Structures are given as structure tokens and as C-alpha cells.
Amino acid sequence: EIDQLEDSIAKLTEDIAELTKAVAELDAAMAEATKLRQDEKAKNTQTIADSQEAQTAVAQALTVLKEFYEKAGDATALLQQQPSAPEIFDAPYKGMQSENGGGG
């Protein structure tokens, strides 16, 4: 009976050692996972901040472009009339057909 109890004690001691090792490994894995989550959270926070800054910059750029094109539209409104051909071009260009052997 004492031998059985000593065997049980040895087996339980071995089980305790294995379980202690498993708990230590789980603690290490949990610490690593926590570190990764914290790193990812910091990166995500920075990405959000960058995105907000970019959104503001795009909105400002759109405002500048809108104002520019409104002013440019007003400035070129008179230039968009179809110009008439100068008097020198009152007949279509026929080229040098007769001199080059072409019909004309």
C-alpha cells in the first residue's frame, strides 16, 4: 500500500510539473499575444490619424481646385467664343497640286 501511495505521489508530482510547464507556456503565449495586440492597436491608431489628416488635406485641395476653376471659368468665358477665320483664308487651301503632278 505504501508503494502504491509513493507511486501515486510520484505520478502526481510529475503531473504537477507538466501542468506547471503548460501554464508557463500559456502565460508566455498570452503575453506575446497581448504585446502583438498592443502593437497592432498603436499602428491602427496611427493609421486612423493619418487617414483623418489625408481626408482633411483632400477636402482642402478640392476647395482650392473648385475656387481655381470657378475663377478660371470666369476669366476664360470671353475666350470661348468661336473665332472667325482671318481674311487671308477666305478660300480652302488647295495645295500645290498642279506643280507636283497632282490633279486639281
C-alpha atoms as a PDB file:
ATOM      1  CA  GLU A   1       0.000   0.000   0.000  1.00  0.00           C
ATOM      2  CA  ILE A   2       2.829   2.422   0.796  1.00  0.00           C
ATOM      3  CA  ASP A   3       4.417   1.600  -2.542  1.00  0.00           C
ATOM      4  CA  GLN A   4       1.151   2.447  -4.305  1.00  0.00           C
ATOM      5  CA  LEU A   5       0.933   5.743  -2.452  1.00  0.00           C
ATOM      6  CA  GLU A   6       4.549   6.551  -3.280  1.00  0.00           C
ATOM      7  CA  ASP A   7       3.829   5.736  -6.929  1.00  0.00           C
ATOM      8  CA  SER A   8       0.749   7.974  -6.822  1.00  0.00           C
ATOM      9  CA  ILE A   9       2.785  10.767  -5.245  1.00  0.00           C
ATOM     10  CA  ALA A  10       5.472  10.401  -7.919  1.00  0.00           C
ATOM     11  CA  LYS A  11       2.848  10.377 -10.688  1.00  0.00           C
ATOM     12  CA  LEU A  12       1.057  13.413  -9.225  1.00  0.00           C
ATOM     13  CA  THR A  13       4.369  15.243  -8.809  1.00  0.00           C
ATOM     14  CA  GLU A  14       5.159  14.547 -12.454  1.00  0.00           C
ATOM     15  CA  ASP A  15       1.668  15.750 -13.463  1.00  0.00           C
ATOM     16  CA  ILE A  16       2.137  18.926 -11.409  1.00  0.00           C
ATOM     17  CA  ALA A  17       5.468  19.598 -13.146  1.00  0.00           C
ATOM     18  CA  GLU A  18       3.911  19.089 -16.583  1.00  0.00           C
ATOM     19  CA  LEU A  19       0.923  21.280 -15.738  1.00  0.00           C
ATOM     20  CA  THR A  20       3.189  23.982 -14.299  1.00  0.00           C
ATOM     21  CA  LYS A  21       5.199  23.916 -17.527  1.00  0.00           C
ATOM     22  CA  ALA A  22       1.973  24.136 -19.583  1.00  0.00           C
ATOM     23  CA  VAL A  23       0.745  27.087 -17.513  1.00  0.00           C
ATOM     24  CA  ALA A  24       4.089  28.847 -18.034  1.00  0.00           C
ATOM     25  CA  GLU A  25       3.852  28.274 -21.792  1.00  0.00           C
ATOM     26  CA  LEU A  26       0.283  29.600 -21.838  1.00  0.00           C
ATOM     27  CA  ASP A  27       1.365  32.665 -19.859  1.00  0.00           C
ATOM     28  CA  ALA A  28       4.175  33.296 -22.349  1.00  0.00           C
ATOM     29  CA  ALA A  29       1.813  32.868 -25.316  1.00  0.00           C
ATOM     30  CA  MET A  30      -0.731  35.187 -23.714  1.00  0.00           C
ATOM     31  CA  ALA A  31       1.956  37.805 -23.034  1.00  0.00           C
ATOM     32  CA  GLU A  32       3.098  37.601 -26.676  1.00  0.00           C
ATOM     33  CA  ALA A  33      -0.472  37.884 -27.959  1.00  0.00           C
ATOM     34  CA  THR A  34      -1.091  40.879 -25.700  1.00  0.00           C
ATOM     35  CA  LYS A  35       2.075  42.552 -26.982  1.00  0.00           C
ATOM     36  CA  LEU A  36       1.030  41.932 -30.603  1.00  0.00           C
ATOM     37  CA  ARG A  37      -2.436  43.371 -29.934  1.00  0.00           C
ATOM     38  CA  GLN A  38      -0.930  46.467 -28.326  1.00  0.00           C
ATOM     39  CA  ASP A  39       1.438  46.947 -31.268  1.00  0.00           C
ATOM     40  CA  GLU A  40      -1.411  46.499 -33.743  1.00  0.00           C
ATOM     41  CA  LYS A  41      -3.597  48.898 -31.787  1.00  0.00           C
ATOM     42  CA  ALA A  42      -0.864  51.546 -31.846  1.00  0.00           C
ATOM     43  CA  LYS A  43      -0.384  51.034 -35.597  1.00  0.00           C
ATOM     44  CA  ASN A  44      -4.130  51.182 -36.177  1.00  0.00           C
ATOM     45  CA  THR A  45      -4.425  54.372 -34.129  1.00  0.00           C
ATOM     46  CA  GLN A  46      -1.652  55.951 -36.230  1.00  0.00           C
ATOM     47  CA  THR A  47      -3.322  54.793 -39.449  1.00  0.00           C
ATOM     48  CA  ILE A  48      -6.614  56.358 -38.366  1.00  0.00           C
ATOM     49  CA  ALA A  49      -4.867  59.633 -37.541  1.00  0.00           C
ATOM     50  CA  ASP A  50      -3.069  59.608 -40.912  1.00  0.00           C
ATOM     51  CA  SER A  51      -6.344  58.898 -42.705  1.00  0.00           C
ATOM     52  CA  GLN A  52      -8.079  61.785 -40.959  1.00  0.00           C
ATOM     53  CA  GLU A  53      -5.243  64.130 -41.909  1.00  0.00           C
ATOM     54  CA  ALA A  54      -5.394  62.905 -45.508  1.00  0.00           C
ATOM     55  CA  GLN A  55      -9.161  63.397 -45.599  1.00  0.00           C
ATOM     56  CA  THR A  56      -8.736  66.985 -44.397  1.00  0.00           C
ATOM     57  CA  ALA A  57      -5.993  67.616 -46.964  1.00  0.00           C
ATOM     58  CA  VAL A  58      -8.144  66.233 -49.787  1.00  0.00           C
ATOM     59  CA  ALA A  59     -11.084  68.402 -48.730  1.00  0.00           C
ATOM     60  CA  GLN A  60      -8.838  71.482 -48.717  1.00  0.00           C
ATOM     61  CA  ALA A  61      -7.399  70.573 -52.116  1.00  0.00           C
ATOM     62  CA  LEU A  62     -10.881  70.138 -53.550  1.00  0.00           C
ATOM     63  CA  THR A  63     -11.860  73.565 -52.237  1.00  0.00           C
ATOM     64  CA  VAL A  64      -8.761  75.145 -53.798  1.00  0.00           C
ATOM     65  CA  LEU A  65      -9.399  73.412 -57.135  1.00  0.00           C
ATOM     66  CA  LYS A  66     -13.076  74.379 -57.129  1.00  0.00           C
ATOM     67  CA  GLU A  67     -12.212  78.020 -56.472  1.00  0.00           C
ATOM     68  CA  PHE A  68      -9.466  77.941 -59.120  1.00  0.00           C
ATOM     69  CA  TYR A  69     -11.708  76.506 -61.807  1.00  0.00           C
ATOM     70  CA  GLU A  70     -14.547  78.875 -60.941  1.00  0.00           C
ATOM     71  CA  LYS A  71     -12.165  81.828 -61.359  1.00  0.00           C
ATOM     72  CA  ALA A  72     -10.629  80.295 -64.482  1.00  0.00           C
ATOM     73  CA  GLY A  73     -14.109  79.738 -65.918  1.00  0.00           C
ATOM     74  CA  ASP A  74     -14.983  83.382 -65.359  1.00  0.00           C
ATOM     75  CA  ALA A  75     -11.656  84.541 -66.822  1.00  0.00           C
ATOM     76  CA  THR A  76     -11.934  82.459 -69.984  1.00  0.00           C
ATOM     77  CA  ALA A  77     -15.653  82.881 -70.599  1.00  0.00           C
ATOM     78  CA  LEU A  78     -14.969  85.511 -73.247  1.00  0.00           C
ATOM     79  CA  LEU A  79     -12.271  83.444 -74.917  1.00  0.00           C
ATOM     80  CA  GLN A  80     -14.560  80.516 -75.602  1.00  0.00           C
ATOM     81  CA  GLN A  81     -16.336  82.172 -78.495  1.00  0.00           C
ATOM     82  CA  GLN A  82     -15.598  80.555 -81.846  1.00  0.00           C
ATOM     83  CA  PRO A  83     -13.020  82.724 -83.603  1.00  0.00           C
ATOM     84  CA  SER A  84     -13.675  83.587 -87.212  1.00  0.00           C
ATOM     85  CA  ALA A  85     -11.050  82.728 -89.788  1.00  0.00           C
ATOM     86  CA  PRO A  86      -8.752  85.580 -90.769  1.00  0.00           C
ATOM     87  CA  GLU A  87      -9.493  87.229 -94.103  1.00  0.00           C
ATOM     88  CA  ILE A  88      -6.440  85.677 -95.700  1.00  0.00           C
ATOM     89  CA  PHE A  89      -8.093  82.244 -95.508  1.00  0.00           C
ATOM     90  CA  ASP A  90     -11.238  83.081 -97.425  1.00  0.00           C
ATOM     91  CA  ALA A  91     -10.827  80.076 -99.774  1.00  0.00           C
ATOM     92  CA  PRO A  92      -9.915  76.491 -98.864  1.00  0.00           C
ATOM     93  CA  TYR A  93      -6.277  75.534 -99.297  1.00  0.00           C
ATOM     94  CA  LYS A  94      -5.750  73.582-102.499  1.00  0.00           C
ATOM     95  CA  GLY A  95      -2.064  72.882-102.022  1.00  0.00           C
ATOM     96  CA  MET A  96       0.489  72.731-104.829  1.00  0.00           C
ATOM     97  CA  GLN A  97      -1.343  70.020-106.749  1.00  0.00           C
ATOM     98  CA  SER A  98      -0.579  71.206-110.258  1.00  0.00           C
ATOM     99  CA  GLU A  99       3.115  71.797-109.552  1.00  0.00           C
ATOM    100  CA  ASN A 100       3.566  68.311-108.075  1.00  0.00           C
ATOM    101  CA  GLY A 101       1.744  66.466-110.806  1.00  0.00           C
ATOM    102  CA  GLY A 102      -1.484  66.246-108.891  1.00  0.00           C
ATOM    103  CA  GLY A 103      -4.868  66.905-110.389  1.00  0.00           C
ATOM    104  CA  GLY A 104      -6.591  69.960-109.383  1.00  0.00           C
END
